[in-house]
Amino acid sequence: VFRLGMAPTIPSARQLVNHGHVTINGKVVSIASYQCKPGEVISVRQKEASQELVKTNLQYPGLANIPSHLEFDKNKLVGKVNSIVEREWVALQINELLVVEYYSRQA
């Protein structure tokens, strides 16, 4: 939701989902940690309040461009997941070797 530009920040994107403003394939999703799969359609509920909230959020300067694994129609307020996210679009600096090392000691 944040990467599509429907919300100006990650916490506000989580709140949009938690309050039931977002649907996945036509079904309301209220779990902010829901992981979308390729081919799923993300849209805003047909309620007027939901539509206005997202239209207001689209006016904020968010991401300069939408990641290549997503597409979004600002007129219909509908997005689609085209593929799995590429590593370059994850805005975290992670040393994967340290993660593997940490969890290998836990077992």
PDB file of N, CA and C in Angstrom:
ATOM      1  N   VAL A   1       0.832  -1.187   0.000  1.00  0.00           N
ATOM      2  CA  VAL A   1       0.000   0.000   0.000  1.00  0.00           C
ATOM      3  C   VAL A   1       0.877   1.251   0.000  1.00  0.00           C
ATOM      4  N   PHE A   2       1.927   1.233   0.813  1.00  0.00           N
ATOM      5  CA  PHE A   2       2.850   2.369   0.841  1.00  0.00           C
ATOM      6  C   PHE A   2       3.585   2.504  -0.485  1.00  0.00           C
ATOM      7  N   ARG A   3       4.089   1.407  -1.016  1.00  0.00           N
ATOM      8  CA  ARG A   3       4.852   1.445  -2.267  1.00  0.00           C
ATOM      9  C   ARG A   3       3.987   1.858  -3.460  1.00  0.00           C
ATOM     10  N   LEU A   4       2.693   1.626  -3.382  1.00  0.00           N
ATOM     11  CA  LEU A   4       1.784   2.056  -4.450  1.00  0.00           C
ATOM     12  C   LEU A   4       1.461   3.544  -4.347  1.00  0.00           C
ATOM     13  N   GLY A   5       1.794   4.166  -3.218  1.00  0.00           N
ATOM     14  CA  GLY A   5       1.526   5.588  -3.036  1.00  0.00           C
ATOM     15  C   GLY A   5       0.174   5.876  -2.410  1.00  0.00           C
ATOM     16  N   MET A   6      -0.529   4.844  -1.955  1.00  0.00           N
ATOM     17  CA  MET A   6      -1.840   5.043  -1.339  1.00  0.00           C
ATOM     18  C   MET A   6      -1.741   5.692   0.038  1.00  0.00           C
ATOM     19  N   ALA A   7      -0.558   5.641   0.642  1.00  0.00           N
ATOM     20  CA  ALA A   7      -0.340   6.226   1.966  1.00  0.00           C
ATOM     21  C   ALA A   7       1.028   6.905   1.971  1.00  0.00           C
ATOM     22  N   PRO A   8       1.163   8.031   2.697  1.00  0.00           N
ATOM     23  CA  PRO A   8       2.429   8.770   2.683  1.00  0.00           C
ATOM     24  C   PRO A   8       3.550   8.123   3.499  1.00  0.00           C
ATOM     25  N   THR A   9       3.208   7.288   4.476  1.00  0.00           N
ATOM     26  CA  THR A   9       4.221   6.634   5.309  1.00  0.00           C
ATOM     27  C   THR A   9       3.844   5.166   5.512  1.00  0.00           C
ATOM     28  N   ILE A  10       4.801   4.384   5.962  1.00  0.00           N
ATOM     29  CA  ILE A  10       4.527   2.970   6.234  1.00  0.00           C
ATOM     30  C   ILE A  10       3.512   2.815   7.371  1.00  0.00           C
ATOM     31  N   PRO A  11       3.655   3.568   8.493  1.00  0.00           N
ATOM     32  CA  PRO A  11       2.634   3.436   9.546  1.00  0.00           C
ATOM     33  C   PRO A  11       1.223   3.811   9.077  1.00  0.00           C
ATOM     34  N   SER A  12       1.105   4.828   8.242  1.00  0.00           N
ATOM     35  CA  SER A  12      -0.231   5.191   7.759  1.00  0.00           C
ATOM     36  C   SER A  12      -0.770   4.134   6.794  1.00  0.00           C
ATOM     37  N   ALA A  13       0.109   3.471   6.060  1.00  0.00           N
ATOM     38  CA  ALA A  13      -0.320   2.374   5.184  1.00  0.00           C
ATOM     39  C   ALA A  13      -0.844   1.209   6.026  1.00  0.00           C
ATOM     40  N   ARG A  14      -0.153   0.910   7.109  1.00  0.00           N
ATOM     41  CA  ARG A  14      -0.605  -0.152   8.008  1.00  0.00           C
ATOM     42  C   ARG A  14      -1.972   0.190   8.601  1.00  0.00           C
ATOM     43  N   GLN A  15      -2.157   1.468   8.952  1.00  0.00           N
ATOM     44  CA  GLN A  15      -3.428   1.899   9.527  1.00  0.00           C
ATOM     45  C   GLN A  15      -4.562   1.800   8.497  1.00  0.00           C
ATOM     46  N   LEU A  16      -4.281   2.156   7.250  1.00  0.00           N
ATOM     47  CA  LEU A  16      -5.291   2.013   6.188  1.00  0.00           C
ATOM     48  C   LEU A  16      -5.771   0.565   6.095  1.00  0.00           C
ATOM     49  N   VAL A  17      -4.829  -0.353   6.141  1.00  0.00           N
ATOM     50  CA  VAL A  17      -5.172  -1.772   6.044  1.00  0.00           C
ATOM     51  C   VAL A  17      -5.919  -2.225   7.299  1.00  0.00           C
ATOM     52  N   ASN A  18      -5.403  -1.863   8.478  1.00  0.00           N
ATOM     53  CA  ASN A  18      -6.042  -2.274   9.736  1.00  0.00           C
ATOM     54  C   ASN A  18      -7.482  -1.784   9.848  1.00  0.00           C
ATOM     55  N   HIS A  19      -7.776  -0.629   9.298  1.00  0.00           N
ATOM     56  CA  HIS A  19      -9.122  -0.066   9.387  1.00  0.00           C
ATOM     57  C   HIS A  19     -10.039  -0.543   8.265  1.00  0.00           C
ATOM     58  N   GLY A  20      -9.545  -1.457   7.434  1.00  0.00           N
ATOM     59  CA  GLY A  20     -10.389  -2.091   6.426  1.00  0.00           C
ATOM     60  C   GLY A  20     -10.664  -1.260   5.188  1.00  0.00           C
ATOM     61  N   HIS A  21      -9.760  -0.351   4.835  1.00  0.00           N
ATOM     62  CA  HIS A  21      -9.956   0.475   3.640  1.00  0.00           C
ATOM     63  C   HIS A  21      -9.440  -0.200   2.368  1.00  0.00           C
ATOM     64  N   VAL A  22      -8.706  -1.301   2.508  1.00  0.00           N
ATOM     65  CA  VAL A  22      -8.028  -1.930   1.369  1.00  0.00           C
ATOM     66  C   VAL A  22      -8.598  -3.322   1.113  1.00  0.00           C
ATOM     67  N   THR A  23      -8.731  -3.665  -0.178  1.00  0.00           N
ATOM     68  CA  THR A  23      -9.163  -5.013  -0.545  1.00  0.00           C
ATOM     69  C   THR A  23      -8.093  -5.684  -1.401  1.00  0.00           C
ATOM     70  N   ILE A  24      -8.015  -6.986  -1.282  1.00  0.00           N
ATOM     71  CA  ILE A  24      -7.137  -7.805  -2.119  1.00  0.00           C
ATOM     72  C   ILE A  24      -8.047  -8.768  -2.873  1.00  0.00           C
ATOM     73  N   ASN A  25      -8.023  -8.692  -4.195  1.00  0.00           N
ATOM     74  CA  ASN A  25      -8.894  -9.517  -5.041  1.00  0.00           C
ATOM     75  C   ASN A  25     -10.362  -9.392  -4.629  1.00  0.00           C
ATOM     76  N   GLY A  26     -10.779  -8.182  -4.238  1.00  0.00           N
ATOM     77  CA  GLY A  26     -12.172  -7.927  -3.902  1.00  0.00           C
ATOM     78  C   GLY A  26     -12.578  -8.256  -2.483  1.00  0.00           C
ATOM     79  N   LYS A  27     -11.672  -8.809  -1.678  1.00  0.00           N
ATOM     80  CA  LYS A  27     -11.987  -9.157  -0.291  1.00  0.00           C
ATOM     81  C   LYS A  27     -11.256  -8.202   0.647  1.00  0.00           C
ATOM     82  N   VAL A  28     -11.968  -7.712   1.657  1.00  0.00           N
ATOM     83  CA  VAL A  28     -11.369  -6.782   2.614  1.00  0.00           C
ATOM     84  C   VAL A  28     -10.289  -7.507   3.402  1.00  0.00           C
ATOM     85  N   VAL A  29      -9.120  -6.881   3.493  1.00  0.00           N
ATOM     86  CA  VAL A  29      -8.009  -7.415   4.267  1.00  0.00           C
ATOM     87  C   VAL A  29      -7.725  -6.423   5.381  1.00  0.00           C
ATOM     88  N   SER A  30      -7.710  -6.904   6.626  1.00  0.00           N
ATOM     89  CA  SER A  30      -7.445  -6.012   7.749  1.00  0.00           C
ATOM     90  C   SER A  30      -6.189  -6.423   8.507  1.00  0.00           C
ATOM     91  N   ILE A  31      -5.345  -7.215   7.879  1.00  0.00           N
ATOM     92  CA  ILE A  31      -4.092  -7.653   8.490  1.00  0.00           C
ATOM     93  C   ILE A  31      -2.953  -6.932   7.780  1.00  0.00           C
ATOM     94  N   ALA A  32      -2.292  -6.028   8.502  1.00  0.00           N
ATOM     95  CA  ALA A  32      -1.257  -5.189   7.890  1.00  0.00           C
ATOM     96  C   ALA A  32      -0.051  -5.993   7.414  1.00  0.00           C
ATOM     97  N   SER A  33       0.183  -7.155   7.992  1.00  0.00           N
ATOM     98  CA  SER A  33       1.342  -7.963   7.606  1.00  0.00           C
ATOM     99  C   SER A  33       1.027  -8.933   6.464  1.00  0.00           C
ATOM    100  N   TYR A  34      -0.137  -8.812   5.847  1.00  0.00           N
ATOM    101  CA  TYR A  34      -0.524  -9.692   4.740  1.00  0.00           C
ATOM    102  C   TYR A  34       0.504  -9.580   3.619  1.00  0.00           C
ATOM    103  N   GLN A  35       0.958 -10.719   3.116  1.00  0.00           N
ATOM    104  CA  GLN A  35       1.943 -10.730   2.036  1.00  0.00           C
ATOM    105  C   GLN A  35       1.240 -11.027   0.716  1.00  0.00           C
ATOM    106  N   CYS A  36       1.297 -10.072  -0.178  1.00  0.00           N
ATOM    107  CA  CYS A  36       0.664 -10.228  -1.492  1.00  0.00           C
ATOM    108  C   CYS A  36       1.473 -11.163  -2.373  1.00  0.00           C
ATOM    109  N   LYS A  37       0.759 -11.894  -3.201  1.00  0.00           N
ATOM    110  CA  LYS A  37       1.388 -12.810  -4.150  1.00  0.00           C
ATOM    111  C   LYS A  37       1.272 -12.229  -5.555  1.00  0.00           C
ATOM    112  N   PRO A  38       2.153 -12.632  -6.459  1.00  0.00           N
ATOM    113  CA  PRO A  38       2.051 -12.148  -7.839  1.00  0.00           C
ATOM    114  C   PRO A  38       0.676 -12.444  -8.435  1.00  0.00           C
ATOM    115  N   GLY A  39       0.130 -11.441  -9.125  1.00  0.00           N
ATOM    116  CA  GLY A  39      -1.172 -11.574  -9.752  1.00  0.00           C
ATOM    117  C   GLY A  39      -2.316 -11.026  -8.922  1.00  0.00           C
ATOM    118  N   GLU A  40      -2.079 -10.727  -7.649  1.00  0.00           N
ATOM    119  CA  GLU A  40      -3.150 -10.211  -6.801  1.00  0.00           C
ATOM    120  C   GLU A  40      -3.417  -8.741  -7.101  1.00  0.00           C
ATOM    121  N   VAL A  41      -4.692  -8.365  -6.994  1.00  0.00           N
ATOM    122  CA  VAL A  41      -5.125  -7.000  -7.277  1.00  0.00           C
ATOM    123  C   VAL A  41      -5.428  -6.302  -5.954  1.00  0.00           C
ATOM    124  N   ILE A  42      -4.784  -5.160  -5.736  1.00  0.00           N
ATOM    125  CA  ILE A  42      -4.957  -4.369  -4.521  1.00  0.00           C
ATOM    126  C   ILE A  42      -5.801  -3.155  -4.883  1.00  0.00           C
ATOM    127  N   SER A  43      -6.900  -2.957  -4.166  1.00  0.00           N
ATOM    128  CA  SER A  43      -7.758  -1.814  -4.471  1.00  0.00           C
ATOM    129  C   SER A  43      -8.285  -1.193  -3.187  1.00  0.00           C
ATOM    130  N   VAL A  44      -8.911  -0.040  -3.356  1.00  0.00           N
ATOM    131  CA  VAL A  44      -9.514   0.676  -2.242  1.00  0.00           C
ATOM    132  C   VAL A  44     -10.988   0.293  -2.201  1.00  0.00           C
ATOM    133  N   ARG A  45     -11.530   0.129  -0.997  1.00  0.00           N
ATOM    134  CA  ARG A  45     -12.957  -0.208  -0.871  1.00  0.00           C
ATOM    135  C   ARG A  45     -13.811   0.824  -1.574  1.00  0.00           C
ATOM    136  N   GLN A  46     -14.993   0.430  -1.950  1.00  0.00           N
ATOM    137  CA  GLN A  46     -15.896   1.307  -2.689  1.00  0.00           C
ATOM    138  C   GLN A  46     -16.598   2.326  -1.797  1.00  0.00           C
ATOM    139  N   LYS A  47     -16.307   2.313  -0.501  1.00  0.00           N
ATOM    140  CA  LYS A  47     -16.886   3.310   0.401  1.00  0.00           C
ATOM    141  C   LYS A  47     -16.307   4.684   0.071  1.00  0.00           C
ATOM    142  N   GLU A  48     -17.144   5.703   0.146  1.00  0.00           N
ATOM    143  CA  GLU A  48     -16.706   7.059  -0.201  1.00  0.00           C
ATOM    144  C   GLU A  48     -15.585   7.539   0.717  1.00  0.00           C
ATOM    145  N   ALA A  49     -15.671   7.214   2.011  1.00  0.00           N
ATOM    146  CA  ALA A  49     -14.642   7.648   2.964  1.00  0.00           C
ATOM    147  C   ALA A  49     -13.280   7.054   2.603  1.00  0.00           C
ATOM    148  N   SER A  50     -13.263   5.784   2.233  1.00  0.00           N
ATOM    149  CA  SER A  50     -12.011   5.122   1.850  1.00  0.00           C
ATOM    150  C   SER A  50     -11.430   5.756   0.595  1.00  0.00           C
ATOM    151  N   GLN A  51     -12.280   5.995  -0.389  1.00  0.00           N
ATOM    152  CA  GLN A  51     -11.837   6.582  -1.659  1.00  0.00           C
ATOM    153  C   GLN A  51     -11.236   7.970  -1.434  1.00  0.00           C
ATOM    154  N   GLU A  52     -11.917   8.803  -0.646  1.00  0.00           N
ATOM    155  CA  GLU A  52     -11.443  10.171  -0.396  1.00  0.00           C
ATOM    156  C   GLU A  52     -10.124  10.169   0.365  1.00  0.00           C
ATOM    157  N   LEU A  53      -9.999   9.262   1.328  1.00  0.00           N
ATOM    158  CA  LEU A  53      -8.775   9.179   2.122  1.00  0.00           C
ATOM    159  C   LEU A  53      -7.572   8.874   1.238  1.00  0.00           C
ATOM    160  N   VAL A  54      -7.709   7.910   0.348  1.00  0.00           N
ATOM    161  CA  VAL A  54      -6.596   7.536  -0.529  1.00  0.00           C
ATOM    162  C   VAL A  54      -6.329   8.634  -1.558  1.00  0.00           C
ATOM    163  N   LYS A  55      -7.376   9.259  -2.082  1.00  0.00           N
ATOM    164  CA  LYS A  55      -7.173  10.352  -3.041  1.00  0.00           C
ATOM    165  C   LYS A  55      -6.408  11.504  -2.396  1.00  0.00           C
ATOM    166  N   THR A  56      -6.689  11.787  -1.132  1.00  0.00           N
ATOM    167  CA  THR A  56      -5.952  12.818  -0.394  1.00  0.00           C
ATOM    168  C   THR A  56      -4.497  12.400  -0.224  1.00  0.00           C
ATOM    169  N   ASN A  57      -4.263  11.138   0.121  1.00  0.00           N
ATOM    170  CA  ASN A  57      -2.896  10.640   0.312  1.00  0.00           C
ATOM    171  C   ASN A  57      -2.086  10.675  -0.978  1.00  0.00           C
ATOM    172  N   LEU A  58      -2.733  10.495  -2.118  1.00  0.00           N
ATOM    173  CA  LEU A  58      -2.022  10.501  -3.401  1.00  0.00           C
ATOM    174  C   LEU A  58      -1.434  11.874  -3.727  1.00  0.00           C
ATOM    175  N   GLN A  59      -1.930  12.917  -3.073  1.00  0.00           N
ATOM    176  CA  GLN A  59      -1.417  14.263  -3.320  1.00  0.00           C
ATOM    177  C   GLN A  59      -0.094  14.518  -2.607  1.00  0.00           C
ATOM    178  N   TYR A  60       0.228  13.698  -1.591  1.00  0.00           N
ATOM    179  CA  TYR A  60       1.499  13.852  -0.886  1.00  0.00           C
ATOM    180  C   TYR A  60       2.631  13.355  -1.769  1.00  0.00           C
ATOM    181  N   PRO A  61       3.779  14.019  -1.707  1.00  0.00           N
ATOM    182  CA  PRO A  61       4.918  13.504  -2.477  1.00  0.00           C
ATOM    183  C   PRO A  61       5.463  12.255  -1.794  1.00  0.00           C
ATOM    184  N   GLY A  62       5.249  11.117  -2.387  1.00  0.00           N
ATOM    185  CA  GLY A  62       5.721   9.856  -1.816  1.00  0.00           C
ATOM    186  C   GLY A  62       6.946   9.374  -2.559  1.00  0.00           C
ATOM    187  N   LEU A  63       6.909   8.143  -2.955  1.00  0.00           N
ATOM    188  CA  LEU A  63       8.006   7.584  -3.733  1.00  0.00           C
ATOM    189  C   LEU A  63       8.055   8.267  -5.094  1.00  0.00           C
ATOM    190  N   ALA A  64       9.248   8.491  -5.586  1.00  0.00           N
ATOM    191  CA  ALA A  64       9.405   9.147  -6.888  1.00  0.00           C
ATOM    192  C   ALA A  64       8.797   8.297  -8.002  1.00  0.00           C
ATOM    193  N   ASN A  65       8.955   6.992  -7.892  1.00  0.00           N
ATOM    194  CA  ASN A  65       8.357   6.102  -8.893  1.00  0.00           C
ATOM    195  C   ASN A  65       7.951   4.795  -8.224  1.00  0.00           C
ATOM    196  N   ILE A  66       7.022   4.121  -8.840  1.00  0.00           N
ATOM    197  CA  ILE A  66       6.519   2.859  -8.304  1.00  0.00           C
ATOM    198  C   ILE A  66       7.490   1.751  -8.700  1.00  0.00           C
ATOM    199  N   PRO A  67       7.801   0.837  -7.780  1.00  0.00           N
ATOM    200  CA  PRO A  67       8.722  -0.257  -8.100  1.00  0.00           C
ATOM    201  C   PRO A  67       8.263  -1.060  -9.317  1.00  0.00           C
ATOM    202  N   SER A  68       9.211  -1.677  -9.983  1.00  0.00           N
ATOM    203  CA  SER A  68       8.916  -2.387 -11.233  1.00  0.00           C
ATOM    204  C   SER A  68       8.031  -3.618 -11.038  1.00  0.00           C
ATOM    205  N   HIS A  69       7.960  -4.151  -9.832  1.00  0.00           N
ATOM    206  CA  HIS A  69       7.129  -5.338  -9.604  1.00  0.00           C
ATOM    207  C   HIS A  69       5.664  -4.989  -9.328  1.00  0.00           C
ATOM    208  N   LEU A  70       5.345  -3.677  -9.312  1.00  0.00           N
ATOM    209  CA  LEU A  70       3.977  -3.219  -9.056  1.00  0.00           C
ATOM    210  C   LEU A  70       3.487  -2.338 -10.196  1.00  0.00           C
ATOM    211  N   GLU A  71       2.165  -2.243 -10.340  1.00  0.00           N
ATOM    212  CA  GLU A  71       1.571  -1.257 -11.244  1.00  0.00           C
ATOM    213  C   GLU A  71       0.364  -0.665 -10.522  1.00  0.00           C
ATOM    214  N   PHE A  72       0.050   0.604 -10.823  1.00  0.00           N
ATOM    215  CA  PHE A  72      -1.028   1.290 -10.114  1.00  0.00           C
ATOM    216  C   PHE A  72      -1.755   2.243 -11.042  1.00  0.00           C
ATOM    217  N   ASP A  73      -3.078   2.196 -11.017  1.00  0.00           N
ATOM    218  CA  ASP A  73      -3.927   3.099 -11.790  1.00  0.00           C
ATOM    219  C   ASP A  73      -4.521   4.117 -10.818  1.00  0.00           C
ATOM    220  N   LYS A  74      -4.035   5.369 -10.885  1.00  0.00           N
ATOM    221  CA  LYS A  74      -4.473   6.402  -9.945  1.00  0.00           C
ATOM    222  C   LYS A  74      -5.932   6.792 -10.141  1.00  0.00           C
ATOM    223  N   ASN A  75      -6.471   6.632 -11.332  1.00  0.00           N
ATOM    224  CA  ASN A  75      -7.870   6.981 -11.583  1.00  0.00           C
ATOM    225  C   ASN A  75      -8.830   5.964 -10.963  1.00  0.00           C
ATOM    226  N   LYS A  76      -8.494   4.687 -11.089  1.00  0.00           N
ATOM    227  CA  LYS A  76      -9.353   3.631 -10.553  1.00  0.00           C
ATOM    228  C   LYS A  76      -8.973   3.244  -9.123  1.00  0.00           C
ATOM    229  N   LEU A  77      -7.810   3.728  -8.648  1.00  0.00           N
ATOM    230  CA  LEU A  77      -7.274   3.370  -7.329  1.00  0.00           C
ATOM    231  C   LEU A  77      -7.109   1.860  -7.203  1.00  0.00           C
ATOM    232  N   VAL A  78      -6.510   1.269  -8.225  1.00  0.00           N
ATOM    233  CA  VAL A  78      -6.292  -0.173  -8.270  1.00  0.00           C
ATOM    234  C   VAL A  78      -4.834  -0.443  -8.612  1.00  0.00           C
ATOM    235  N   GLY A  79      -4.221  -1.340  -7.857  1.00  0.00           N
ATOM    236  CA  GLY A  79      -2.847  -1.742  -8.123  1.00  0.00           C
ATOM    237  C   GLY A  79      -2.767  -3.235  -8.330  1.00  0.00           C
ATOM    238  N   LYS A  80      -1.661  -3.683  -8.890  1.00  0.00           N
ATOM    239  CA  LYS A  80      -1.472  -5.108  -9.133  1.00  0.00           C
ATOM    240  C   LYS A  80      -0.034  -5.482  -8.841  1.00  0.00           C
ATOM    241  N   VAL A  81       0.144  -6.654  -8.247  1.00  0.00           N
ATOM    242  CA  VAL A  81       1.474  -7.195  -7.989  1.00  0.00           C
ATOM    243  C   VAL A  81       1.844  -8.034  -9.201  1.00  0.00           C
ATOM    244  N   ASN A  82       2.890  -7.628  -9.920  1.00  0.00           N
ATOM    245  CA  ASN A  82       3.294  -8.345 -11.130  1.00  0.00           C
ATOM    246  C   ASN A  82       4.270  -9.477 -10.853  1.00  0.00           C
ATOM    247  N   SER A  83       5.122  -9.299  -9.858  1.00  0.00           N
ATOM    248  CA  SER A  83       6.127 -10.315  -9.555  1.00  0.00           C
ATOM    249  C   SER A  83       6.600 -10.128  -8.119  1.00  0.00           C
ATOM    250  N   ILE A  84       7.495 -10.982  -7.705  1.00  0.00           N
ATOM    251  CA  ILE A  84       8.079 -10.875  -6.366  1.00  0.00           C
ATOM    252  C   ILE A  84       9.039  -9.688  -6.356  1.00  0.00           C
ATOM    253  N   VAL A  85       9.112  -8.996  -5.215  1.00  0.00           N
ATOM    254  CA  VAL A  85       9.943  -7.798  -5.093  1.00  0.00           C
ATOM    255  C   VAL A  85      11.419  -8.129  -5.348  1.00  0.00           C
ATOM    256  N   GLU A  86      12.089  -7.203  -6.005  1.00  0.00           N
ATOM    257  CA  GLU A  86      13.517  -7.355  -6.247  1.00  0.00           C
ATOM    258  C   GLU A  86      14.287  -6.767  -5.075  1.00  0.00           C
ATOM    259  N   ARG A  87      15.440  -7.299  -4.820  1.00  0.00           N
ATOM    260  CA  ARG A  87      16.240  -6.919  -3.663  1.00  0.00           C
ATOM    261  C   ARG A  87      16.568  -5.428  -3.630  1.00  0.00           C
ATOM    262  N   GLU A  88      16.741  -4.789  -4.788  1.00  0.00           N
ATOM    263  CA  GLU A  88      17.113  -3.371  -4.830  1.00  0.00           C
ATOM    264  C   GLU A  88      16.014  -2.471  -4.274  1.00  0.00           C
ATOM    265  N   TRP A  89      14.755  -2.913  -4.321  1.00  0.00           N
ATOM    266  CA  TRP A  89      13.644  -2.074  -3.874  1.00  0.00           C
ATOM    267  C   TRP A  89      13.405  -2.153  -2.380  1.00  0.00           C
ATOM    268  N   VAL A  90      14.069  -3.072  -1.683  1.00  0.00           N
ATOM    269  CA  VAL A  90      13.929  -3.150  -0.232  1.00  0.00           C
ATOM    270  C   VAL A  90      14.853  -2.101   0.362  1.00  0.00           C
ATOM    271  N   ALA A  91      14.266  -1.152   1.087  1.00  0.00           N
ATOM    272  CA  ALA A  91      15.026   0.000   1.582  1.00  0.00           C
ATOM    273  C   ALA A  91      15.711  -0.289   2.915  1.00  0.00           C
ATOM    274  N   LEU A  92      16.275  -1.478   3.055  1.00  0.00           N
ATOM    275  CA  LEU A  92      16.981  -1.839   4.278  1.00  0.00           C
ATOM    276  C   LEU A  92      18.368  -2.357   3.927  1.00  0.00           C
ATOM    277  N   GLN A  93      19.329  -1.971   4.731  1.00  0.00           N
ATOM    278  CA  GLN A  93      20.681  -2.487   4.567  1.00  0.00           C
ATOM    279  C   GLN A  93      20.809  -3.715   5.465  1.00  0.00           C
ATOM    280  N   ILE A  94      20.799  -4.898   4.870  1.00  0.00           N
ATOM    281  CA  ILE A  94      20.828  -6.138   5.641  1.00  0.00           C
ATOM    282  C   ILE A  94      22.029  -6.971   5.224  1.00  0.00           C
ATOM    283  N   ASN A  95      22.765  -7.427   6.221  1.00  0.00           N
ATOM    284  CA  ASN A  95      23.851  -8.361   5.973  1.00  0.00           C
ATOM    285  C   ASN A  95      23.263  -9.757   6.181  1.00  0.00           C
ATOM    286  N   GLU A  96      22.897 -10.413   5.097  1.00  0.00           N
ATOM    287  CA  GLU A  96      22.204 -11.696   5.177  1.00  0.00           C
ATOM    288  C   GLU A  96      23.046 -12.765   5.860  1.00  0.00           C
ATOM    289  N   LEU A  97      24.345 -12.687   5.700  1.00  0.00           N
ATOM    290  CA  LEU A  97      25.226 -13.665   6.325  1.00  0.00           C
ATOM    291  C   LEU A  97      25.116 -13.597   7.847  1.00  0.00           C
ATOM    292  N   LEU A  98      25.019 -12.383   8.397  1.00  0.00           N
ATOM    293  CA  LEU A  98      24.867 -12.237   9.845  1.00  0.00           C
ATOM    294  C   LEU A  98      23.532 -12.799  10.331  1.00  0.00           C
ATOM    295  N   VAL A  99      22.486 -12.657   9.546  1.00  0.00           N
ATOM    296  CA  VAL A  99      21.175 -13.200   9.918  1.00  0.00           C
ATOM    297  C   VAL A  99      21.242 -14.719   9.964  1.00  0.00           C
ATOM    298  N   VAL A 100      21.824 -15.325   8.939  1.00  0.00           N
ATOM    299  CA  VAL A 100      21.961 -16.784   8.899  1.00  0.00           C
ATOM    300  C   VAL A 100      22.820 -17.259  10.063  1.00  0.00           C
ATOM    301  N   GLU A 101      23.908 -16.554  10.328  1.00  0.00           N
ATOM    302  CA  GLU A 101      24.806 -16.920  11.426  1.00  0.00           C
ATOM    303  C   GLU A 101      24.079 -16.847  12.769  1.00  0.00           C
ATOM    304  N   TYR A 102      23.298 -15.803  12.982  1.00  0.00           N
ATOM    305  CA  TYR A 102      22.565 -15.628  14.238  1.00  0.00           C
ATOM    306  C   TYR A 102      21.588 -16.779  14.463  1.00  0.00           C
ATOM    307  N   TYR A 103      20.790 -17.092  13.449  1.00  0.00           N
ATOM    308  CA  TYR A 103      19.783 -18.130  13.619  1.00  0.00           C
ATOM    309  C   TYR A 103      20.373 -19.536  13.629  1.00  0.00           C
ATOM    310  N   SER A 104      21.536 -19.731  13.061  1.00  0.00           N
ATOM    311  CA  SER A 104      22.156 -21.054  13.117  1.00  0.00           C
ATOM    312  C   SER A 104      22.642 -21.359  14.535  1.00  0.00           C
ATOM    313  N   ARG A 105      22.968 -20.321  15.305  1.00  0.00           N
ATOM    314  CA  ARG A 105      23.375 -20.520  16.699  1.00  0.00           C
ATOM    315  C   ARG A 105      22.180 -20.765  17.605  1.00  0.00           C
ATOM    316  N   GLN A 106      20.985 -20.367  17.193  1.00  0.00           N
ATOM    317  CA  GLN A 106      19.784 -20.513  18.015  1.00  0.00           C
ATOM    318  C   GLN A 106      19.296 -21.958  18.069  1.00  0.00           C
ATOM    319  N   ALA A 107      19.617 -22.749  17.073  1.00  0.00           N
ATOM    320  CA  ALA A 107      19.093 -24.121  16.998  1.00  0.00           C
ATOM    321  C   ALA A 107      19.837 -25.077  17.881  1.00  0.00           C
TER     322      ALA A 107
END
